Amino acid sequence: MTDEEIDKVDRAILRALQEDARNMSSGDIAERTGTSDSTVRKRIQRLESDGMIKGYSAEVDYQASGYPLRMLLFCTASIPERGELIPDILEIDGVVSVQELVTGEQNLLVTVVGKTDDDITPVAQKLLEMGLTVADEVLVRSHETKPFGEFDSS
């Protein structure tokens, strides 16, 4: 699916689901978009089958749930291997996300959560054992997100 195939209704659906997918009914979205409930359900199914909507997940406050440390590890892997390493990195206890970076020397950003430094240090060690270089470590105080503005229906 390309951007040209995403119309105003699709963008409004994506915006609504980003705001609160758990509590947003297809009827609520239909009201916002001026379409029918069945149209919204069909559009959501198409967006899912086309891979535009990859899934639904809870936004966890790790600090409130007892894991106060969030560390960003900027790593370097060989370019041919970096994409192949991501599934293995995600299997490491404490790793919650991996981003492949395409500019700069560091080409992987690994996000780790833990209760203490003793939870974070083994992750860095495992990354080193996998052949990655950990170039920088950044402790994050807070992390906030919002829906993508281009999906705003106004």
Protein backbone atom coordinates (compact mmCIF):
# COMPACT_ATOMS: atom_id res chain seq x y z
CA MET A 1 0.00 0.00 0.00
CA THR A 2 1.39 3.39 -0.96
CA ASP A 3 0.64 6.81 0.46
CA GLU A 4 -1.52 7.58 -2.61
CA GLU A 5 -3.82 4.70 -1.62
CA ILE A 6 -4.30 6.09 1.89
CA ASP A 7 -7.17 8.53 1.87
CA LYS A 8 -8.55 10.88 4.50
CA VAL A 9 -10.70 8.13 6.06
CA ASP A 10 -7.73 5.74 6.35
CA ARG A 11 -5.66 8.48 7.99
CA ALA A 12 -8.46 9.22 10.45
CA ILE A 13 -8.72 5.52 11.31
CA LEU A 14 -4.97 5.29 11.88
CA ARG A 15 -5.05 8.42 14.02
CA ALA A 16 -7.92 7.11 16.15
CA LEU A 17 -6.25 3.73 16.68
CA GLN A 18 -2.98 5.42 17.66
CA GLU A 19 -4.84 7.56 20.18
CA ASP A 20 -6.58 4.67 21.95
CA ALA A 21 -6.98 1.39 20.06
CA ARG A 22 -8.24 -0.40 23.14
CA ASN A 23 -11.26 1.82 23.77
CA MET A 24 -11.97 3.19 20.28
CA SER A 25 -14.85 1.27 18.70
CA SER A 26 -15.47 1.13 14.98
CA GLY A 27 -18.67 3.07 15.72
CA ASP A 28 -16.66 5.84 17.41
CA ILE A 29 -14.34 6.01 14.42
CA ALA A 30 -17.28 5.98 11.99
CA GLU A 31 -18.74 8.97 13.78
CA ARG A 32 -15.43 10.85 13.43
CA THR A 33 -15.07 10.01 9.76
CA GLY A 34 -18.67 10.39 8.65
CA THR A 35 -18.75 6.80 7.40
CA SER A 36 -20.56 3.66 8.50
CA ASP A 37 -19.44 1.22 11.15
CA SER A 38 -19.06 -1.53 8.54
CA THR A 39 -16.92 0.74 6.33
CA VAL A 40 -14.55 1.36 9.23
CA ARG A 41 -14.32 -2.37 10.03
CA LYS A 42 -13.56 -3.20 6.39
CA ARG A 43 -10.97 -0.43 6.19
CA ILE A 44 -9.27 -1.67 9.37
CA GLN A 45 -9.19 -5.22 7.99
CA ARG A 46 -7.62 -3.93 4.75
CA LEU A 47 -5.07 -1.82 6.64
CA GLU A 48 -4.16 -4.91 8.69
CA SER A 49 -3.93 -7.28 5.72
CA ASP A 50 -1.85 -4.75 3.76
CA GLY A 51 0.59 -4.50 6.68
CA MET A 52 -0.19 -0.86 7.45
CA ILE A 53 -1.42 -1.88 10.92
CA LYS A 54 1.15 -4.33 12.25
CA GLY A 55 -0.58 -5.07 15.54
CA TYR A 56 -1.95 -3.68 18.76
CA SER A 57 0.01 -3.38 21.97
CA ALA A 58 -0.06 -1.83 25.41
CA GLU A 59 2.11 1.20 26.15
CA VAL A 60 3.81 0.11 29.36
CA ASP A 61 5.18 2.57 31.90
CA TYR A 62 8.25 0.54 32.85
CA GLN A 63 9.15 2.84 35.72
CA ALA A 64 5.69 2.49 37.31
CA SER A 65 5.86 -1.28 36.84
CA GLY A 66 9.10 -1.59 38.82
CA TYR A 67 11.72 -1.17 36.08
CA PRO A 68 13.02 2.36 36.57
CA LEU A 69 16.00 2.17 34.22
CA ARG A 70 15.64 2.67 30.48
CA MET A 71 18.95 2.63 28.65
CA LEU A 72 19.64 3.32 24.99
CA LEU A 73 22.63 1.42 23.67
CA PHE A 74 24.01 2.79 20.40
CA CYS A 75 25.75 -0.11 18.68
CA THR A 76 27.71 -0.80 15.54
CA ALA A 77 27.35 -4.04 13.60
CA SER A 78 28.69 -4.97 10.19
CA ILE A 79 26.31 -3.65 7.56
CA PRO A 80 25.58 -7.05 5.99
CA GLU A 81 24.74 -8.54 9.42
CA ARG A 82 22.84 -5.78 11.20
CA GLY A 83 19.36 -6.68 9.95
CA GLU A 84 19.93 -10.38 10.56
CA LEU A 85 21.01 -9.73 14.17
CA ILE A 86 17.79 -7.96 15.21
CA PRO A 87 15.74 -11.10 16.05
CA ASP A 88 18.62 -12.46 18.20
CA ILE A 89 19.04 -9.12 19.99
CA LEU A 90 15.31 -9.04 20.78
CA GLU A 91 15.69 -12.43 22.50
CA ILE A 92 18.05 -10.96 25.14
CA ASP A 93 16.31 -10.48 28.52
CA GLY A 94 15.64 -6.81 29.14
CA VAL A 95 15.70 -5.71 25.49
CA VAL A 96 12.38 -4.11 24.54
CA SER A 97 13.21 -2.70 21.10
CA VAL A 98 15.84 -2.57 18.38
CA GLN A 99 15.99 0.07 15.67
CA GLU A 100 18.13 -0.22 12.56
CA LEU A 101 19.81 3.12 11.84
CA VAL A 102 20.88 3.97 8.29
CA THR A 103 23.06 7.03 8.86
CA GLY A 104 26.05 7.51 11.12
CA GLU A 105 28.61 5.04 12.42
CA GLN A 106 26.24 3.47 14.95
CA ASN A 107 23.67 1.44 13.03
CA LEU A 108 21.60 -0.23 15.76
CA LEU A 109 19.77 1.39 18.67
CA VAL A 110 18.91 -1.11 21.40
CA THR A 111 16.50 -0.11 24.17
CA VAL A 112 16.87 -1.98 27.46
CA VAL A 113 14.86 -1.76 30.67
CA GLY A 114 15.78 -3.01 34.11
CA LYS A 115 15.57 -2.51 37.86
CA THR A 116 19.28 -1.89 38.46
CA ASP A 117 22.59 -1.57 36.62
CA ASP A 118 22.99 -5.30 37.24
CA ASP A 119 20.09 -5.86 34.81
CA ILE A 120 21.55 -3.62 32.10
CA THR A 121 25.23 -4.65 32.18
CA PRO A 122 24.67 -8.26 31.05
CA VAL A 123 22.78 -6.99 27.99
CA ALA A 124 25.76 -4.92 26.88
CA GLN A 125 28.01 -7.93 27.47
CA LYS A 126 25.78 -10.18 25.33
CA LEU A 127 25.81 -7.60 22.55
CA LEU A 128 29.61 -7.57 22.66
CA GLU A 129 29.63 -11.39 22.52
CA MET A 130 27.45 -11.18 19.39
CA GLY A 131 30.17 -9.10 17.74
CA LEU A 132 28.56 -5.68 18.15
CA THR A 133 30.42 -2.64 19.39
CA VAL A 134 28.54 -0.67 22.06
CA ALA A 135 29.58 2.88 21.18
CA ASP A 136 27.40 4.84 23.61
CA GLU A 137 25.00 4.31 26.48
CA VAL A 138 22.31 6.86 27.32
CA LEU A 139 20.09 6.70 30.40
CA VAL A 140 16.56 7.92 29.60
CA ARG A 141 14.55 9.84 32.20
CA SER A 142 11.22 9.83 30.36
CA HIS A 143 9.73 8.71 27.08
CA GLU A 144 6.48 10.13 25.70
CA THR A 145 4.76 9.49 22.39
CA LYS A 146 1.86 10.91 20.41
CA PRO A 147 -0.03 9.95 17.25
CA PHE A 148 1.62 10.91 13.98
CA GLY A 149 0.30 14.33 12.95
CA GLU A 150 -0.12 13.51 9.26
CA PHE A 151 -2.89 11.07 10.25
CA ASP A 152 -4.89 13.95 11.76
CA SER A 153 -8.15 14.14 9.87
CA SER A 154 -8.58 17.91 10.23
